[in-house]
Structures are given as C-alpha cells and as structure tokens.
Amino acid sequence: MAIEGAPLLVACLCAEWCHVCCDYRHSFAQVKLAIQADHPQAQFIWLDIEDEADLLHPLDVDDFPTLLIAVGDAPRFFGPLMPQPQTLERLVRSAASETSAKALADPVLIAAVARIRAQRLADLPARS
C-alpha cells in the first residue's frame, strides 16, 4: 500500500540493447524485494521501450534507466535515474510516504500510468 491506500507503481523503462539497463536489472529486482516487504501491493514493472512501444507511446525515453513512479493514478516521478540501488530505494520510499508531494500534471504521463495499470491487470491470471 501507499498513500491513503493508493497502490504504488514503479516502472523501469529500459532497452534490451542497453548494457547499463542489463546491469541494473538485478539491482531493480533487489529494491523491489526490499520495498515490497513494507508495501506488498507495490507493482514493480520492467518495460522494454521497444517491446512495449505501443503501451508507452507517446512518451519519449532518451536516457536509461528511466523511472516512472505513480501513487494511484498520479505520476510522482518520471525521469532518468543513476543506476544505483540506494538511489532507487530512497526515491521509491519517498514517493510511497510523502503525503504532500504533488502529482505530475502531464496528461501523457497520466495516460501512460493508466495504460500500464490496465495492461498489468489484464495480464493477471483469472481467479476461480
């Protein structure tokens, strides 16, 4: 959980060909485990910008890794991040606990968060 029960979304936007991204993937997974211990409903998603181009369009990703963090439907951070696990963990924990942080008002980011959440819900197995 995150602020007022709103789910936390952490999406790392990378590319398969990017050596920095390949090296960073393990750190991203480690931070995911650490954060989910406190926020079990947090969604951590690794998105290849080429494989998921339709999902991410029209977002421009020029630097890797680029991180998108949202609380509920509200994007809180979008931008490149130094590939250091401590920086990622600090940024995610801050987004999850900062009640006064303003959402980014960019309609492109808001729409991207909605598409990512909808796609991930569609990917979940049906419950019997």
N, C-alpha and C. Protein backbone atom coordinates (compact mmCIF):
# COMPACT_ATOMS: atom_id res chain seq x y z
N MET A 1 0.84 -1.18 0.00
CA MET A 1 0.00 0.00 0.00
C MET A 1 0.88 1.24 0.00
N ALA A 2 0.27 2.32 -0.33
CA ALA A 2 0.99 3.59 -0.32
C ALA A 2 0.07 4.62 0.31
N ILE A 3 0.20 5.85 -0.10
CA ILE A 3 -0.56 6.93 0.49
C ILE A 3 -2.06 6.65 0.41
N GLU A 4 -2.72 6.73 1.55
CA GLU A 4 -4.17 6.57 1.64
C GLU A 4 -4.66 5.34 0.89
N GLY A 5 -3.88 4.25 0.92
CA GLY A 5 -4.28 3.01 0.30
C GLY A 5 -4.09 2.96 -1.20
N ALA A 6 -3.58 4.03 -1.81
CA ALA A 6 -3.37 4.04 -3.25
C ALA A 6 -2.18 3.16 -3.60
N PRO A 7 -2.31 2.32 -4.62
CA PRO A 7 -1.21 1.42 -4.97
C PRO A 7 -0.03 2.16 -5.57
N LEU A 8 1.14 1.64 -5.30
CA LEU A 8 2.39 2.21 -5.79
C LEU A 8 2.80 1.47 -7.06
N LEU A 9 3.14 2.23 -8.09
CA LEU A 9 3.63 1.68 -9.35
C LEU A 9 5.04 2.20 -9.57
N VAL A 10 5.96 1.28 -9.82
CA VAL A 10 7.34 1.64 -10.13
C VAL A 10 7.68 0.93 -11.44
N ALA A 11 7.81 1.70 -12.50
CA ALA A 11 8.11 1.13 -13.82
C ALA A 11 9.48 1.60 -14.27
N CYS A 12 10.35 0.66 -14.57
CA CYS A 12 11.67 0.97 -15.11
C CYS A 12 11.59 0.81 -16.62
N LEU A 13 11.88 1.89 -17.34
CA LEU A 13 11.80 1.90 -18.79
C LEU A 13 13.22 1.78 -19.33
N CYS A 14 13.48 0.68 -19.99
CA CYS A 14 14.83 0.38 -20.46
C CYS A 14 14.78 -0.20 -21.86
N ALA A 15 15.93 -0.63 -22.32
CA ALA A 15 16.04 -1.27 -23.63
C ALA A 15 16.94 -2.49 -23.52
N GLU A 16 16.58 -3.53 -24.23
CA GLU A 16 17.34 -4.79 -24.20
C GLU A 16 18.80 -4.58 -24.61
N TRP A 17 19.04 -3.71 -25.54
CA TRP A 17 20.39 -3.48 -26.06
C TRP A 17 21.26 -2.62 -25.15
N CYS A 18 20.66 -2.01 -24.13
CA CYS A 18 21.38 -1.09 -23.24
C CYS A 18 22.14 -1.88 -22.18
N HIS A 19 23.47 -1.78 -22.19
CA HIS A 19 24.29 -2.51 -21.22
C HIS A 19 24.05 -2.02 -19.80
N VAL A 20 23.83 -0.72 -19.64
CA VAL A 20 23.55 -0.18 -18.30
C VAL A 20 22.26 -0.80 -17.76
N CYS A 21 21.23 -0.90 -18.61
CA CYS A 21 19.96 -1.49 -18.18
C CYS A 21 20.14 -2.95 -17.78
N CYS A 22 20.88 -3.69 -18.60
CA CYS A 22 21.10 -5.11 -18.28
C CYS A 22 21.79 -5.27 -16.93
N ASP A 23 22.77 -4.41 -16.66
CA ASP A 23 23.46 -4.47 -15.37
C ASP A 23 22.55 -4.03 -14.23
N TYR A 24 21.64 -3.12 -14.50
CA TYR A 24 20.76 -2.53 -13.48
C TYR A 24 19.59 -3.44 -13.11
N ARG A 25 19.24 -4.35 -13.97
CA ARG A 25 18.04 -5.18 -13.75
C ARG A 25 18.10 -5.93 -12.42
N HIS A 26 19.25 -6.45 -12.06
CA HIS A 26 19.39 -7.19 -10.79
C HIS A 26 19.16 -6.24 -9.59
N SER A 27 19.72 -5.04 -9.66
CA SER A 27 19.52 -4.07 -8.58
C SER A 27 18.05 -3.69 -8.45
N PHE A 28 17.38 -3.52 -9.58
CA PHE A 28 15.95 -3.19 -9.58
C PHE A 28 15.17 -4.29 -8.86
N ALA A 29 15.50 -5.55 -9.15
CA ALA A 29 14.82 -6.69 -8.50
C ALA A 29 15.08 -6.71 -7.00
N GLN A 30 16.29 -6.37 -6.58
CA GLN A 30 16.61 -6.34 -5.15
C GLN A 30 15.82 -5.26 -4.42
N VAL A 31 15.74 -4.09 -5.03
CA VAL A 31 14.98 -2.99 -4.42
C VAL A 31 13.50 -3.37 -4.36
N LYS A 32 13.02 -4.03 -5.39
CA LYS A 32 11.62 -4.49 -5.40
C LYS A 32 11.34 -5.34 -4.16
N LEU A 33 12.20 -6.28 -3.86
CA LEU A 33 12.00 -7.14 -2.69
C LEU A 33 12.02 -6.34 -1.40
N ALA A 34 12.93 -5.39 -1.30
CA ALA A 34 13.02 -4.58 -0.08
C ALA A 34 11.78 -3.72 0.10
N ILE A 35 11.29 -3.11 -0.95
CA ILE A 35 10.12 -2.22 -0.87
C ILE A 35 8.86 -3.04 -0.62
N GLN A 36 8.72 -4.18 -1.30
CA GLN A 36 7.51 -4.97 -1.13
C GLN A 36 7.38 -5.58 0.25
N ALA A 37 8.45 -5.63 1.01
CA ALA A 37 8.35 -6.07 2.40
C ALA A 37 7.47 -5.11 3.20
N ASP A 38 7.57 -3.81 2.87
CA ASP A 38 6.76 -2.79 3.56
C ASP A 38 5.49 -2.43 2.79
N HIS A 39 5.52 -2.59 1.48
CA HIS A 39 4.40 -2.21 0.60
C HIS A 39 4.08 -3.39 -0.32
N PRO A 40 3.41 -4.43 0.21
CA PRO A 40 3.19 -5.65 -0.58
C PRO A 40 2.35 -5.45 -1.84
N GLN A 41 1.57 -4.40 -1.90
CA GLN A 41 0.75 -4.16 -3.09
C GLN A 41 1.50 -3.37 -4.18
N ALA A 42 2.73 -2.99 -3.90
CA ALA A 42 3.50 -2.22 -4.88
C ALA A 42 3.76 -3.07 -6.12
N GLN A 43 3.61 -2.44 -7.26
CA GLN A 43 3.87 -3.10 -8.54
C GLN A 43 5.21 -2.59 -9.08
N PHE A 44 6.13 -3.47 -9.31
CA PHE A 44 7.40 -3.14 -9.94
C PHE A 44 7.40 -3.78 -11.32
N ILE A 45 7.60 -2.97 -12.33
CA ILE A 45 7.48 -3.45 -13.71
C ILE A 45 8.72 -3.03 -14.49
N TRP A 46 9.27 -3.98 -15.21
CA TRP A 46 10.40 -3.73 -16.11
C TRP A 46 9.83 -3.69 -17.52
N LEU A 47 9.93 -2.55 -18.19
CA LEU A 47 9.37 -2.40 -19.53
C LEU A 47 10.47 -2.09 -20.54
N ASP A 48 10.55 -2.90 -21.56
CA ASP A 48 11.46 -2.62 -22.67
C ASP A 48 10.75 -1.63 -23.58
N ILE A 49 11.36 -0.48 -23.81
CA ILE A 49 10.68 0.59 -24.56
C ILE A 49 10.40 0.20 -26.01
N GLU A 50 11.15 -0.75 -26.54
CA GLU A 50 10.91 -1.18 -27.91
C GLU A 50 9.83 -2.25 -27.96
N ASP A 51 9.87 -3.20 -27.04
CA ASP A 51 8.85 -4.25 -26.99
C ASP A 51 7.49 -3.69 -26.59
N GLU A 52 7.48 -2.64 -25.79
CA GLU A 52 6.24 -2.05 -25.27
C GLU A 52 5.98 -0.67 -25.87
N ALA A 53 6.43 -0.44 -27.08
CA ALA A 53 6.30 0.88 -27.71
C ALA A 53 4.85 1.34 -27.78
N ASP A 54 3.93 0.45 -28.11
CA ASP A 54 2.51 0.83 -28.19
C ASP A 54 1.97 1.24 -26.83
N LEU A 55 2.39 0.55 -25.81
CA LEU A 55 1.94 0.86 -24.45
C LEU A 55 2.46 2.21 -23.98
N LEU A 56 3.68 2.54 -24.34
CA LEU A 56 4.33 3.74 -23.84
C LEU A 56 4.14 4.98 -24.71
N HIS A 57 3.76 4.79 -25.95
CA HIS A 57 3.61 5.93 -26.88
C HIS A 57 2.61 6.94 -26.32
N PRO A 58 2.89 8.21 -26.32
CA PRO A 58 3.96 8.96 -26.97
C PRO A 58 5.10 9.39 -26.03
N LEU A 59 5.31 8.65 -24.94
CA LEU A 59 6.41 9.01 -24.04
C LEU A 59 7.75 8.93 -24.77
N ASP A 60 8.60 9.89 -24.51
CA ASP A 60 9.95 9.87 -25.05
C ASP A 60 10.92 9.47 -23.95
N VAL A 61 11.68 8.44 -24.22
CA VAL A 61 12.70 7.98 -23.28
C VAL A 61 14.04 8.10 -24.00
N ASP A 62 14.86 9.02 -23.52
CA ASP A 62 16.15 9.28 -24.16
C ASP A 62 17.32 8.75 -23.36
N ASP A 63 17.16 8.63 -22.04
CA ASP A 63 18.24 8.19 -21.18
C ASP A 63 17.80 6.95 -20.41
N PHE A 64 18.77 6.09 -20.13
CA PHE A 64 18.48 4.84 -19.44
C PHE A 64 19.31 4.73 -18.17
N PRO A 65 18.76 4.13 -17.13
CA PRO A 65 17.35 3.78 -17.00
C PRO A 65 16.49 5.01 -16.71
N THR A 66 15.24 4.95 -17.18
CA THR A 66 14.25 5.98 -16.88
C THR A 66 13.21 5.34 -15.98
N LEU A 67 12.80 6.08 -14.98
CA LEU A 67 11.87 5.55 -14.00
C LEU A 67 10.56 6.32 -14.02
N LEU A 68 9.46 5.60 -13.91
CA LEU A 68 8.13 6.20 -13.76
C LEU A 68 7.58 5.67 -12.45
N ILE A 69 7.28 6.58 -11.54
CA ILE A 69 6.68 6.21 -10.25
C ILE A 69 5.33 6.89 -10.15
N ALA A 70 4.31 6.12 -9.77
CA ALA A 70 2.98 6.67 -9.58
C ALA A 70 2.40 6.14 -8.29
N VAL A 71 1.61 6.98 -7.65
CA VAL A 71 0.83 6.57 -6.48
C VAL A 71 -0.61 6.69 -6.91
N GLY A 72 -1.29 5.55 -6.93
CA GLY A 72 -2.62 5.53 -7.52
C GLY A 72 -2.49 5.84 -9.00
N ASP A 73 -3.31 6.75 -9.47
CA ASP A 73 -3.25 7.16 -10.87
C ASP A 73 -2.37 8.38 -11.10
N ALA A 74 -1.74 8.87 -10.03
CA ALA A 74 -0.99 10.11 -10.10
C ALA A 74 0.51 9.85 -10.26
N PRO A 75 1.08 10.23 -11.40
CA PRO A 75 2.53 10.10 -11.55
C PRO A 75 3.25 11.05 -10.60
N ARG A 76 4.27 10.55 -9.94
CA ARG A 76 5.03 11.36 -8.98
C ARG A 76 6.45 11.64 -9.45
N PHE A 77 6.97 10.76 -10.31
CA PHE A 77 8.33 10.95 -10.81
C PHE A 77 8.42 10.33 -12.19
N PHE A 78 9.10 11.03 -13.09
CA PHE A 78 9.41 10.49 -14.41
C PHE A 78 10.73 11.10 -14.86
N GLY A 79 11.72 10.26 -15.02
CA GLY A 79 13.00 10.76 -15.50
C GLY A 79 14.09 9.74 -15.35
N PRO A 80 15.26 10.07 -15.90
CA PRO A 80 16.40 9.16 -15.78
C PRO A 80 16.88 9.10 -14.34
N LEU A 81 17.51 8.00 -14.03
CA LEU A 81 17.96 7.76 -12.66
C LEU A 81 19.35 7.13 -12.71
N MET A 82 20.22 7.59 -11.86
CA MET A 82 21.52 6.94 -11.76
C MET A 82 21.28 5.48 -11.38
N PRO A 83 21.95 4.56 -12.02
CA PRO A 83 21.69 3.13 -11.76
C PRO A 83 22.32 2.64 -10.46
N GLN A 84 21.84 3.21 -9.36
CA GLN A 84 22.33 2.84 -8.04
C GLN A 84 21.14 2.39 -7.20
N PRO A 85 21.20 1.20 -6.63
CA PRO A 85 20.05 0.70 -5.87
C PRO A 85 19.64 1.60 -4.71
N GLN A 86 20.61 2.23 -4.04
CA GLN A 86 20.28 3.10 -2.90
C GLN A 86 19.45 4.31 -3.36
N THR A 87 19.79 4.85 -4.52
CA THR A 87 19.05 5.99 -5.05
C THR A 87 17.63 5.58 -5.39
N LEU A 88 17.48 4.45 -6.04
CA LEU A 88 16.15 3.94 -6.38
C LEU A 88 15.32 3.70 -5.13
N GLU A 89 15.88 3.03 -4.15
CA GLU A 89 15.12 2.72 -2.94
C GLU A 89 14.70 4.00 -2.22
N ARG A 90 15.59 4.96 -2.11
CA ARG A 90 15.27 6.22 -1.44
C ARG A 90 14.15 6.96 -2.19
N LEU A 91 14.22 6.99 -3.50
CA LEU A 91 13.21 7.68 -4.31
C LEU A 91 11.84 6.99 -4.18
N VAL A 92 11.82 5.68 -4.24
CA VAL A 92 10.56 4.94 -4.15
C VAL A 92 9.95 5.08 -2.75
N ARG A 93 10.76 4.94 -1.72
CA ARG A 93 10.23 5.10 -0.35
C ARG A 93 9.69 6.50 -0.13
N SER A 94 10.36 7.49 -0.68
CA SER A 94 9.89 8.87 -0.56
C SER A 94 8.54 9.04 -1.26
N ALA A 95 8.40 8.51 -2.44
CA ALA A 95 7.14 8.62 -3.18
C ALA A 95 6.01 7.90 -2.45
N ALA A 96 6.33 6.79 -1.83
CA ALA A 96 5.32 6.00 -1.13
C ALA A 96 4.85 6.64 0.16
N SER A 97 5.68 7.48 0.76
CA SER A 97 5.32 8.01 2.07
C SER A 97 5.07 9.52 2.09
N GLU A 98 5.40 10.21 1.05
CA GLU A 98 5.28 11.67 1.03
C GLU A 98 3.84 12.10 0.74
N THR A 99 3.13 12.46 1.77
CA THR A 99 1.72 12.81 1.61
C THR A 99 1.51 14.17 0.95
N SER A 100 2.50 15.04 1.00
CA SER A 100 2.31 16.38 0.44
C SER A 100 2.88 16.53 -0.97
N ALA A 101 3.46 15.46 -1.51
CA ALA A 101 4.06 15.55 -2.84
C ALA A 101 2.97 15.76 -3.89
N LYS A 102 3.25 16.65 -4.80
CA LYS A 102 2.30 16.92 -5.87
C LYS A 102 2.49 15.92 -7.00
N ALA A 103 1.38 15.57 -7.62
CA ALA A 103 1.43 14.71 -8.79
C ALA A 103 1.91 15.52 -9.98
N LEU A 104 2.53 14.85 -10.91
CA LEU A 104 2.91 15.49 -12.16
C LEU A 104 1.65 15.65 -13.00
N ALA A 105 1.42 16.83 -13.51
CA ALA A 105 0.16 17.13 -14.20
C ALA A 105 0.22 16.82 -15.69
N ASP A 106 1.27 16.20 -16.17
CA ASP A 106 1.42 15.90 -17.58
C ASP A 106 0.39 14.85 -18.02
N PRO A 107 -0.54 15.21 -18.93
CA PRO A 107 -1.56 14.25 -19.36
C PRO A 107 -0.99 13.02 -20.06
N VAL A 108 0.17 13.14 -20.68
CA VAL A 108 0.80 12.00 -21.34
C VAL A 108 1.24 10.98 -20.28
N LEU A 109 1.80 11.47 -19.17
CA LEU A 109 2.21 10.57 -18.09
C LEU A 109 1.01 9.93 -17.41
N ILE A 110 -0.01 10.72 -17.18
CA ILE A 110 -1.23 10.20 -16.54
C ILE A 110 -1.83 9.08 -17.40
N ALA A 111 -1.89 9.30 -18.70
CA ALA A 111 -2.43 8.29 -19.62
C ALA A 111 -1.53 7.05 -19.64
N ALA A 112 -0.21 7.24 -19.58
CA ALA A 112 0.71 6.10 -19.57
C ALA A 112 0.52 5.25 -18.32
N VAL A 113 0.36 5.90 -17.17
CA VAL A 113 0.13 5.16 -15.93
C VAL A 113 -1.15 4.34 -16.05
N ALA A 114 -2.20 4.93 -16.59
CA ALA A 114 -3.48 4.21 -16.75
C ALA A 114 -3.31 3.01 -17.69
N ARG A 115 -2.58 3.19 -18.79
CA ARG A 115 -2.37 2.07 -19.73
C ARG A 115 -1.54 0.96 -19.11
N ILE A 116 -0.50 1.33 -18.38
CA ILE A 116 0.36 0.32 -17.74
C ILE A 116 -0.45 -0.46 -16.71
N ARG A 117 -1.21 0.24 -15.88
CA ARG A 117 -2.02 -0.45 -14.87
C ARG A 117 -3.05 -1.36 -15.53
N ALA A 118 -3.72 -0.88 -16.57
CA ALA A 118 -4.73 -1.68 -17.27
C ALA A 118 -4.10 -2.93 -17.89
N GLN A 119 -2.95 -2.77 -18.49
CA GLN A 119 -2.28 -3.91 -19.11
C GLN A 119 -1.87 -4.93 -18.07
N ARG A 120 -1.34 -4.47 -16.97
CA ARG A 120 -0.90 -5.40 -15.92
C ARG A 120 -2.09 -6.12 -15.29
N LEU A 121 -3.22 -5.45 -15.14
CA LEU A 121 -4.41 -6.12 -14.64
C LEU A 121 -4.89 -7.17 -15.62
N ALA A 122 -4.81 -6.86 -16.91
CA ALA A 122 -5.22 -7.82 -17.94
C ALA A 122 -4.29 -9.03 -17.97
N ASP A 123 -3.03 -8.84 -17.57
CA ASP A 123 -2.05 -9.93 -17.58
C ASP A 123 -2.19 -10.86 -16.38
N LEU A 124 -2.91 -10.44 -15.34
CA LEU A 124 -3.08 -11.27 -14.15
C LEU A 124 -3.94 -12.48 -14.49
N PRO A 125 -3.61 -13.65 -13.93
CA PRO A 125 -4.43 -14.82 -14.18
C PRO A 125 -5.80 -14.68 -13.53
N ALA A 126 -6.79 -15.22 -14.19
CA ALA A 126 -8.17 -15.15 -13.65
C ALA A 126 -8.26 -16.02 -12.40
N ARG A 127 -9.00 -15.54 -11.43
CA ARG A 127 -9.20 -16.29 -10.19
C ARG A 127 -10.46 -17.13 -10.33
N SER A 128 -10.40 -18.36 -9.83
CA SER A 128 -11.59 -19.21 -9.90
C SER A 128 -12.41 -19.10 -8.65
